[in-house]
Amino acid sequence: MSLNLAPRADEPVAADLYAQHVNPQWVKLLDVLQMNVEYARCENAELHTVDPARLVLDFNSGYCVHNIGHNHPRLIEALKRELDSCGPAMLQSHVPDLAGELGARLCALAGGRLNKVHFASSGSEGVETAIKFSRAHTGRRGLLYAADGFHGLTCGALSLMSNPYWTDGFGPFLPETAAVPFGDAAALERHLATGQFAAFIVEPIQAEAGVRLPPERYLRTAQTLCRRYGTLFVLDEVQTGLYRTGTFLAAHQFGVKPDIVVLAKALSGGLVPCSAVLMSEPVFESVYSSLRRAMVHTSTYSENGLAMRAGLATLDVLDEEELGLRATAAGETLRQALTDRIAGYEMVGEVRGLGLLNAIEFRPPRSTRLRIAFEAFARLHPAVFGQMIVMRLFRDHGVLAQVCGNNFMALKLAPPLTVSRQQIEHCVTAVTKVIETVHRGAAFWSDGLGLVRRAVRSL
């Protein structure tokens, strides 16, 4: 006997159910951007749609989740074995050996003073952990952060972010927080010298601000100043960690040894939520200081067997496939090819990045013909231009990318570290053709009008 699982004519399809019960505005946004397609299979950097003729290349990596590619077979096999073992995945009253193994490997890879780990389920939860441990260790309440950074969407993480797009309507936030300009060591010292701050929490590369790299020696100076004034130096490596920039931590690129590092996203290969907060032993012991406080900071899904197994398998793939070296070489290839082909265009400001975390920052046009169209769309919404670039890449060339969350004039390109030279070439060609359309014809700007019309109709 066979079962007919096809929906009846009067039954809603999956997208309708999502719109009805989860997030209708997300469905509307994808419709506006002409990016609402159904995927049948995702492998490595390839996203296969239900249309056999349509293939999309992922140059977004789920916001830097898929460092080892989508659905890596080694990871899937490891998770199947773990499930088949019927082990104590969520027992909560035993010593999880996999957590010990993963913690040891993470600390060995991170090096420096990082020799203790707390596991959680997301980057935001990791940032919350860093806040609590920093306060416990220093006895201070103040929190210092770099303006235009991104640390997550819980209220604690939002307290460390300056962009009102993310914070409006969700306050009040944690008191005694302050922002300093990213890269401004003098401003940082003025704040640290007050002795009020438990931690300076900063991304080594500001991904959502447009993949902004720090000025030379800035992070080393920041570390020295933090040590001088008794403030913990905390790196949010949720996007930059796990060889995204070529080394295990971006901290290794800049020669710093932080007190706390937050990892997440790529840690478990994109299949099981997992984050890890690495810290020094003195910081750790400030919280877990006695038997009575053995569970004073924990999380239900922390150290669960599937997440730990996924983390171990992910580290195996990163190591055995030498994805750090591949990220370095592929990133250099991508940036050089983009620079060679698009640097001369009027609206291209800079191609920058490290490893496979890269961005193209656009600038307002100087010529009258382009400036009139650009300013018209900027008045409608500052994201229109960037979203038109994203839409064109996806619709016309099968490349999935994104504008940066805190910089709508920057296009982020962050493919899986397994990306091939041929896939990089396809992306570079696609970007070049779209930018050519921006500068040479009216079709791109007409598309912008169409996007705005669809957005208005969806209201």
Protein backbone atom coordinates (compact mmCIF):
# COMPACT_ATOMS: atom_id res chain seq x y z
CA MET A 1 0.00 0.00 0.00
CA SER A 2 1.32 3.46 -0.88
CA LEU A 3 0.49 6.75 0.77
CA ASN A 4 -0.40 9.83 -1.22
CA LEU A 5 1.39 12.64 0.60
CA ALA A 6 0.66 15.34 -1.95
CA PRO A 7 -1.38 18.20 -0.50
CA ARG A 8 -5.04 18.44 -1.47
CA ALA A 9 -6.07 21.39 -3.61
CA ASP A 10 -7.54 23.11 -0.54
CA GLU A 11 -4.46 22.53 1.63
CA PRO A 12 -1.88 25.33 2.01
CA VAL A 13 1.60 24.69 0.63
CA ALA A 14 4.67 24.97 2.87
CA ALA A 15 5.37 28.63 2.00
CA ASP A 16 1.79 29.55 2.86
CA LEU A 17 2.06 27.82 6.22
CA TYR A 18 5.31 29.66 6.89
CA ALA A 19 3.68 32.97 6.05
CA GLN A 20 0.65 32.18 8.21
CA HIS A 21 2.45 30.91 11.28
CA VAL A 22 6.11 32.03 11.24
CA ASN A 23 7.09 35.26 9.47
CA PRO A 24 4.95 36.66 6.64
CA GLN A 25 7.21 39.70 6.24
CA TRP A 26 10.17 37.48 5.36
CA VAL A 27 8.15 35.82 2.60
CA LYS A 28 7.14 39.26 1.28
CA LEU A 29 10.75 40.45 1.30
CA LEU A 30 11.95 37.43 -0.70
CA ASP A 31 9.10 38.00 -3.15
CA VAL A 32 10.07 41.67 -3.52
CA LEU A 33 13.69 40.67 -4.21
CA GLN A 34 12.64 37.90 -6.60
CA MET A 35 14.61 35.45 -4.47
CA ASN A 36 11.76 33.25 -3.22
CA VAL A 37 12.83 29.93 -4.74
CA GLU A 38 12.59 26.40 -3.39
CA TYR A 39 15.76 24.39 -2.88
CA ALA A 40 15.85 20.65 -3.39
CA ARG A 41 19.46 19.85 -2.45
CA CYS A 42 22.44 21.79 -1.11
CA GLU A 43 25.99 20.48 -1.48
CA ASN A 44 29.29 22.24 -0.91
CA ALA A 45 28.81 25.71 -2.47
CA GLU A 46 25.99 24.61 -4.79
CA LEU A 47 22.30 25.20 -4.09
CA HIS A 48 20.13 23.09 -6.38
CA THR A 49 16.61 24.42 -6.82
CA VAL A 50 13.53 22.34 -7.64
CA ASP A 51 14.03 23.56 -11.20
CA PRO A 52 16.74 21.20 -12.52
CA ALA A 53 17.97 23.90 -14.88
CA ARG A 54 18.61 26.42 -12.10
CA LEU A 55 21.70 26.22 -9.92
CA VAL A 56 22.71 28.88 -7.38
CA LEU A 57 26.23 29.37 -6.04
CA ASP A 58 26.34 30.29 -2.35
CA PHE A 59 28.62 33.26 -1.70
CA ASN A 60 26.88 33.99 1.59
CA SER A 61 27.51 30.72 3.50
CA GLY A 62 24.51 31.30 5.75
CA TYR A 63 26.28 34.36 7.22
CA CYS A 64 29.56 32.40 7.50
CA VAL A 65 27.99 29.19 8.85
CA HIS A 66 28.98 26.81 6.04
CA ASN A 67 32.78 27.02 6.19
CA ILE A 68 33.05 23.32 5.27
CA GLY A 69 30.28 23.62 2.68
CA HIS A 70 26.66 22.53 2.79
CA ASN A 71 25.94 19.03 4.07
CA HIS A 72 29.51 17.78 4.09
CA PRO A 73 29.37 13.95 3.85
CA ARG A 74 31.87 13.50 6.70
CA LEU A 75 29.67 15.56 8.98
CA ILE A 76 26.47 13.77 7.99
CA GLU A 77 28.09 10.38 8.55
CA ALA A 78 29.39 11.43 11.97
CA LEU A 79 25.93 12.59 13.03
CA LYS A 80 24.33 9.39 11.78
CA ARG A 81 26.77 7.33 13.82
CA GLU A 82 26.10 9.43 16.89
CA LEU A 83 22.34 9.00 16.51
CA ASP A 84 22.69 5.27 15.93
CA SER A 85 24.71 4.93 19.13
CA CYS A 86 21.71 6.05 21.22
CA GLY A 87 24.15 7.67 23.62
CA PRO A 88 23.38 10.18 26.41
CA ALA A 89 22.76 13.19 24.18
CA MET A 90 20.88 15.28 26.75
CA LEU A 91 21.24 13.47 30.06
CA GLN A 92 22.27 16.58 32.01
CA SER A 93 23.58 14.55 34.98
CA HIS A 94 26.78 13.03 33.65
CA VAL A 95 30.19 14.10 32.35
CA PRO A 96 29.86 14.48 28.54
CA ASP A 97 33.08 13.07 27.16
CA LEU A 98 32.56 14.61 23.71
CA ALA A 99 32.41 18.09 25.24
CA GLY A 100 35.76 17.48 26.91
CA GLU A 101 37.28 16.30 23.65
CA LEU A 102 35.93 19.23 21.67
CA GLY A 103 36.94 21.71 24.36
CA ALA A 104 40.51 20.39 24.39
CA ARG A 105 40.82 20.66 20.62
CA LEU A 106 39.40 24.18 20.52
CA CYS A 107 41.77 25.38 23.23
CA ALA A 108 44.76 23.79 21.51
CA LEU A 109 43.86 25.45 18.21
CA ALA A 110 43.20 28.82 19.81
CA GLY A 111 46.34 28.85 21.97
CA GLY A 112 47.42 31.81 24.04
CA ARG A 113 45.68 32.11 27.41
CA LEU A 114 42.51 30.36 26.20
CA ASN A 115 42.28 27.04 28.06
CA LYS A 116 38.68 26.82 29.26
CA VAL A 117 35.42 26.56 27.25
CA HIS A 118 31.75 27.16 27.90
CA PHE A 119 29.42 25.70 25.24
CA ALA A 120 26.08 27.21 24.24
CA SER A 121 23.81 27.27 21.19
CA SER A 122 24.30 30.62 19.42
CA GLY A 123 26.63 33.56 19.01
CA SER A 124 24.25 35.81 20.91
CA GLU A 125 24.26 33.38 23.82
CA GLY A 126 28.03 33.37 23.65
CA VAL A 127 28.13 37.15 23.88
CA GLU A 128 25.82 37.02 26.90
CA THR A 129 28.28 34.57 28.48
CA ALA A 130 31.18 36.94 27.80
CA ILE A 131 29.27 39.79 29.47
CA LYS A 132 28.54 37.77 32.61
CA PHE A 133 32.03 36.33 32.98
CA SER A 134 33.69 39.71 32.39
CA ARG A 135 31.58 41.33 35.10
CA ALA A 136 32.18 38.47 37.51
CA HIS A 137 35.94 38.59 36.96
CA THR A 138 36.46 42.34 37.20
CA GLY A 139 33.69 43.36 39.59
CA ARG A 140 32.84 46.14 37.15
CA ARG A 141 29.56 46.71 35.30
CA GLY A 142 30.61 48.88 32.36
CA LEU A 143 30.88 47.41 28.87
CA LEU A 144 32.81 49.03 26.04
CA TYR A 145 32.27 48.16 22.37
CA ALA A 146 33.17 49.35 18.89
CA ALA A 147 30.57 51.40 17.02
CA ASP A 148 29.00 49.80 13.92
CA GLY A 149 29.73 46.28 15.15
CA PHE A 150 27.30 43.38 15.24
CA HIS A 151 27.10 41.03 18.23
CA GLY A 152 23.66 39.41 18.10
CA LEU A 153 20.01 40.17 18.72
CA THR A 154 19.40 39.36 22.39
CA CYS A 155 18.99 42.39 24.64
CA GLY A 156 22.48 41.98 26.10
CA ALA A 157 24.06 41.78 22.66
CA LEU A 158 21.96 44.70 21.41
CA SER A 159 23.36 46.73 24.30
CA LEU A 160 26.71 46.49 22.48
CA MET A 161 25.45 47.77 19.11
CA SER A 162 25.08 51.33 17.86
CA ASN A 163 22.85 50.93 14.78
CA PRO A 164 19.27 51.96 15.63
CA TYR A 165 17.90 49.62 12.96
CA TRP A 166 18.63 46.70 15.29
CA THR A 167 17.83 48.38 18.60
CA ASP A 168 14.74 50.54 18.02
CA GLY A 169 11.74 49.37 20.00
CA PHE A 170 13.58 46.83 22.13
CA GLY A 171 14.98 48.93 24.97
CA PRO A 172 15.86 49.72 27.61
CA PHE A 173 19.19 47.96 27.34
CA LEU A 174 22.01 47.28 29.76
CA PRO A 175 23.17 50.46 31.49
CA GLU A 176 26.77 51.64 31.61
CA THR A 177 27.68 50.69 28.05
CA ALA A 178 29.63 52.94 25.69
CA ALA A 179 30.74 52.90 22.06
CA VAL A 180 34.11 53.95 20.69
CA PRO A 181 34.99 54.31 17.00
CA PHE A 182 36.50 51.13 15.53
CA GLY A 183 40.21 51.70 15.04
CA ASP A 184 40.50 54.75 17.29
CA ALA A 185 43.00 53.78 19.99
CA ALA A 186 43.00 57.24 21.58
CA ALA A 187 39.23 57.17 22.15
CA LEU A 188 39.54 53.65 23.51
CA GLU A 189 42.17 54.70 26.05
CA ARG A 190 40.12 57.69 27.23
CA HIS A 191 37.26 55.35 28.14
CA LEU A 192 39.42 52.59 29.60
CA ALA A 193 41.27 55.07 31.81
CA THR A 194 38.06 55.71 33.77
CA GLY A 195 38.37 52.23 35.28
CA GLN A 196 34.66 51.58 34.78
CA PHE A 197 34.69 48.87 32.13
CA ALA A 198 34.66 45.13 32.64
CA ALA A 199 35.32 44.33 28.98
CA PHE A 200 36.09 45.77 25.59
CA ILE A 201 34.12 43.58 23.18
CA VAL A 202 35.09 43.91 19.53
CA GLU A 203 35.09 41.99 16.27
CA PRO A 204 38.64 41.70 14.87
CA ILE A 205 37.07 42.42 11.46
CA GLN A 206 33.73 44.22 11.43
CA ALA A 207 31.81 41.98 9.05
CA GLU A 208 28.43 43.71 8.99
CA ALA A 209 30.01 47.17 8.86
CA GLY A 210 31.34 46.29 5.42
CA VAL A 211 34.19 43.86 6.24
CA ARG A 212 36.21 46.64 7.85
CA LEU A 213 39.75 45.55 8.70
CA PRO A 214 41.41 47.17 11.71
CA PRO A 215 44.22 49.69 11.22
CA GLU A 216 47.67 48.23 11.56
CA ARG A 217 48.51 47.36 15.20
CA TYR A 218 45.12 48.61 16.43
CA LEU A 219 44.15 45.30 18.03
CA ARG A 220 47.59 44.93 19.64
CA THR A 221 47.28 48.42 21.05
CA ALA A 222 43.75 47.67 22.26
CA GLN A 223 45.02 44.55 24.01
CA THR A 224 47.84 46.48 25.69
CA LEU A 225 45.43 49.18 26.87
CA CYS A 226 42.99 46.63 28.24
CA ARG A 227 45.75 44.97 30.23
CA ARG A 228 46.92 48.34 31.52
CA TYR A 229 43.51 49.38 32.82
CA GLY A 230 42.25 46.02 34.07
CA THR A 231 39.61 45.52 31.35
CA LEU A 232 39.13 42.15 29.66
CA PHE A 233 39.95 42.02 25.94
CA VAL A 234 37.09 40.10 24.30
CA LEU A 235 36.99 39.15 20.61
CA ASP A 236 33.71 38.28 18.93
CA GLU A 237 34.88 35.78 16.29
CA VAL A 238 31.43 34.44 15.47
CA GLN A 239 31.95 35.25 11.77
CA THR A 240 35.74 35.38 11.59
CA GLY A 241 36.59 32.15 13.42
CA LEU A 242 37.08 28.58 12.19
CA TYR A 243 39.58 29.53 9.42
CA ARG A 244 37.26 32.03 7.70
CA THR A 245 40.16 34.50 7.46
CA GLY A 246 42.79 31.82 6.79
CA THR A 247 43.87 31.14 10.38
CA PHE A 248 41.84 29.35 13.05
CA LEU A 249 41.13 32.69 14.71
CA ALA A 250 41.42 36.10 13.12
CA ALA A 251 43.26 36.93 16.36
CA HIS A 252 46.16 34.90 14.97
CA GLN A 253 46.32 37.19 11.93
CA PHE A 254 46.81 40.22 14.16
CA GLY A 255 49.10 38.70 16.80
CA VAL A 256 46.82 39.15 19.81
CA LYS A 257 45.97 36.89 22.74
CA PRO A 258 42.50 37.80 24.02
CA ASP A 259 41.06 36.95 27.41
CA ILE A 260 37.80 35.68 25.88
CA VAL A 261 36.82 34.59 22.36
CA VAL A 262 33.28 33.86 21.18
CA LEU A 263 32.87 31.24 18.45
CA ALA A 264 29.64 30.01 16.82
CA LYS A 265 28.17 29.81 13.28
CA ALA A 266 30.64 27.49 11.49
CA LEU A 267 31.55 25.52 14.62
CA SER A 268 29.22 22.60 13.89
CA GLY A 269 29.11 22.66 10.11
CA GLY A 270 25.75 24.35 9.74
CA LEU A 271 23.65 21.41 10.91
CA VAL A 272 23.41 21.65 14.72
CA PRO A 273 23.31 24.94 16.67
CA CYS A 274 26.47 25.33 18.72
CA SER A 275 28.68 28.06 20.14
CA ALA A 276 31.76 28.09 22.31
CA VAL A 277 33.19 30.77 24.56
CA LEU A 278 36.91 30.28 25.06
CA MET A 279 38.51 32.02 28.03
CA SER A 280 41.47 32.07 30.37
CA GLU A 281 41.44 30.01 33.54
CA PRO A 282 41.29 33.02 35.90
CA VAL A 283 38.22 34.35 34.09
CA PHE A 284 36.57 30.94 34.18
CA GLU A 285 37.23 30.49 37.88
CA SER A 286 35.61 33.82 38.64
CA VAL A 287 32.27 32.20 37.86
CA TYR A 288 32.80 28.51 38.67
CA SER A 289 34.59 29.35 41.88
CA SER A 290 33.20 26.66 44.18
CA LEU A 291 31.14 23.47 44.29
CA ARG A 292 28.09 25.54 45.12
CA ARG A 293 28.51 27.48 41.86
CA ALA A 294 29.10 24.49 39.58
CA MET A 295 25.88 25.23 37.66
CA VAL A 296 25.56 28.99 38.16
CA HIS A 297 25.84 29.59 34.41
CA THR A 298 24.53 26.93 32.05
CA SER A 299 22.21 26.29 29.12
CA THR A 300 19.83 23.43 28.39
CA TYR A 301 21.40 22.41 25.10
CA SER A 302 24.96 23.15 26.11
CA GLU A 303 27.30 20.19 25.54
CA ASN A 304 24.59 18.05 23.88
CA GLY A 305 25.99 15.03 22.10
CA LEU A 306 24.96 15.91 18.55
CA ALA A 307 26.41 19.42 18.71
CA MET A 308 29.68 18.17 20.18
CA ARG A 309 29.98 15.42 17.58
CA ALA A 310 29.24 17.93 14.84
CA GLY A 311 31.94 20.22 16.21
CA LEU A 312 34.53 17.44 16.26
CA ALA A 313 33.66 16.35 12.71
CA THR A 314 33.83 19.94 11.51
CA LEU A 315 37.32 20.38 12.99
CA ASP A 316 38.37 17.14 11.28
CA VAL A 317 37.23 18.42 7.88
CA LEU A 318 38.82 21.83 8.38
CA ASP A 319 42.12 20.18 9.27
CA GLU A 320 42.25 17.30 6.80
CA GLU A 321 41.13 19.39 3.82
CA GLU A 322 43.48 22.24 4.83
CA LEU A 323 40.66 24.73 4.49
CA GLY A 324 42.60 27.51 6.21
CA LEU A 325 45.23 27.42 3.46
CA ARG A 326 42.51 27.16 0.85
CA ALA A 327 40.71 30.17 2.32
CA THR A 328 43.89 32.24 2.15
CA ALA A 329 44.63 31.31 -1.47
CA ALA A 330 41.02 31.53 -2.65
CA GLY A 331 40.52 34.89 -0.96
CA GLU A 332 43.58 36.34 -2.65
CA THR A 333 42.35 35.01 -6.00
CA LEU A 334 38.88 36.48 -5.48
CA ARG A 335 40.08 39.92 -4.40
CA GLN A 336 42.67 40.19 -7.15
CA ALA A 337 40.23 39.14 -9.87
CA LEU A 338 37.61 41.58 -8.63
CA THR A 339 40.14 44.41 -8.40
CA ASP A 340 41.43 43.71 -11.92
CA ARG A 341 37.95 43.78 -13.44
CA ILE A 342 35.88 46.32 -11.54
CA ALA A 343 38.25 48.79 -9.87
CA GLY A 344 37.91 51.26 -12.72
CA TYR A 345 34.16 51.68 -12.42
CA GLU A 346 32.91 54.96 -11.04
CA MET A 347 30.81 53.50 -8.23
CA VAL A 348 33.34 50.91 -7.02
CA GLY A 349 35.12 52.21 -3.95
CA GLU A 350 37.21 49.36 -2.59
CA VAL A 351 37.61 45.59 -2.72
CA ARG A 352 38.83 44.38 0.65
CA GLY A 353 38.87 41.42 2.99
CA LEU A 354 40.92 38.66 4.52
CA GLY A 355 40.70 35.00 3.58
CA LEU A 356 37.17 34.33 2.39
CA LEU A 357 35.53 37.20 4.25
CA ASN A 358 35.40 39.92 1.60
CA ALA A 359 33.40 42.91 0.49
CA ILE A 360 33.02 45.32 -2.36
CA GLU A 361 32.23 48.78 -1.02
CA PHE A 362 30.40 51.03 -3.46
CA ARG A 363 30.40 54.82 -3.40
CA PRO A 364 27.93 57.42 -4.62
CA PRO A 365 28.48 58.30 -8.29
CA ARG A 366 30.04 61.56 -9.41
CA SER A 367 28.56 61.80 -12.90
CA THR A 368 25.22 63.58 -13.20
CA ARG A 369 23.55 60.77 -15.13
CA LEU A 370 24.18 58.17 -12.43
CA ARG A 371 23.89 60.54 -9.49
CA ILE A 372 20.30 61.54 -10.26
CA ALA A 373 19.14 57.91 -10.36
CA PHE A 374 21.20 56.89 -7.34
CA GLU A 375 20.00 59.75 -5.16
CA ALA A 376 16.39 59.10 -6.12
CA PHE A 377 16.64 55.54 -4.83
CA ALA A 378 18.63 56.57 -1.76
CA ARG A 379 15.77 58.88 -0.78
CA LEU A 380 13.34 55.96 -0.98
CA HIS A 381 15.54 53.73 1.20
CA PRO A 382 19.34 53.58 1.66
CA ALA A 383 19.35 49.82 1.01
CA VAL A 384 17.72 49.94 -2.45
CA PHE A 385 20.96 50.17 -4.42
CA GLY A 386 22.66 47.30 -2.58
CA GLN A 387 19.57 45.11 -2.73
CA MET A 388 19.36 45.67 -6.48
CA ILE A 389 22.91 44.36 -6.78
CA VAL A 390 21.97 41.30 -4.69
CA MET A 391 18.78 40.73 -6.71
CA ARG A 392 20.56 40.97 -10.06
CA LEU A 393 23.32 38.61 -9.01
CA PHE A 394 20.78 36.06 -7.84
CA ARG A 395 18.18 36.36 -10.56
CA ASP A 396 20.40 36.77 -13.61
CA HIS A 397 23.57 34.93 -12.64
CA GLY A 398 22.72 32.42 -9.93
CA VAL A 399 24.97 33.91 -7.22
CA LEU A 400 23.65 34.31 -3.67
CA ALA A 401 25.28 37.19 -1.79
CA GLN A 402 24.19 39.84 0.70
CA VAL A 403 24.62 43.48 1.58
CA CYS A 404 26.21 44.05 4.97
CA GLY A 405 23.76 44.57 7.81
CA ASN A 406 25.31 47.85 8.98
CA ASN A 407 26.54 49.11 5.61
CA PHE A 408 24.06 48.92 2.75
CA MET A 409 26.72 50.11 0.30
CA ALA A 410 28.92 47.05 0.86
CA LEU A 411 28.36 43.70 -0.84
CA LYS A 412 29.70 40.82 1.26
CA LEU A 413 31.19 37.80 -0.54
CA ALA A 414 31.86 34.91 1.84
CA PRO A 415 31.57 31.52 0.13
CA PRO A 416 32.32 28.19 1.79
CA LEU A 417 36.04 27.61 2.25
CA THR A 418 35.67 24.67 -0.14
CA VAL A 419 34.77 26.97 -3.06
CA SER A 420 36.48 26.09 -6.35
CA ARG A 421 38.44 28.33 -8.69
CA GLN A 422 35.73 27.84 -11.33
CA GLN A 423 33.03 28.98 -8.88
CA ILE A 424 35.09 32.04 -7.97
CA GLU A 425 35.44 32.85 -11.66
CA HIS A 426 31.68 32.54 -12.13
CA CYS A 427 31.09 34.94 -9.23
CA VAL A 428 33.64 37.48 -10.47
CA THR A 429 32.14 37.38 -13.98
CA ALA A 430 28.64 37.82 -12.54
CA VAL A 431 29.67 40.77 -10.37
CA THR A 432 31.44 42.38 -13.33
CA LYS A 433 28.37 42.04 -15.56
CA VAL A 434 26.07 43.49 -12.91
CA ILE A 435 28.37 46.45 -12.30
CA GLU A 436 28.64 46.98 -16.04
CA THR A 437 24.84 47.16 -16.15
CA VAL A 438 24.85 49.71 -13.33
CA HIS A 439 27.15 52.01 -15.29
CA ARG A 440 26.18 51.43 -18.89
CA GLY A 441 22.42 50.99 -19.17
CA ALA A 442 19.02 51.98 -17.85
CA ALA A 443 17.86 48.41 -17.13
CA PHE A 444 19.48 48.27 -13.68
CA TRP A 445 17.78 51.46 -12.53
CA SER A 446 14.47 50.34 -14.06
CA ASP A 447 14.79 47.19 -11.96
CA GLY A 448 15.09 49.45 -8.94
CA LEU A 449 11.76 51.05 -9.77
CA GLY A 450 10.25 47.59 -10.11
CA LEU A 451 11.65 46.59 -6.73
CA VAL A 452 10.16 49.67 -5.09
CA ARG A 453 6.78 49.05 -6.75
CA ARG A 454 6.73 45.46 -5.50
CA ALA A 455 7.66 46.65 -2.01
CA VAL A 456 4.81 49.19 -2.03
CA ARG A 457 2.31 46.58 -3.23
CA SER A 458 3.35 44.23 -0.43
CA LEU A 459 2.59 46.78 2.29
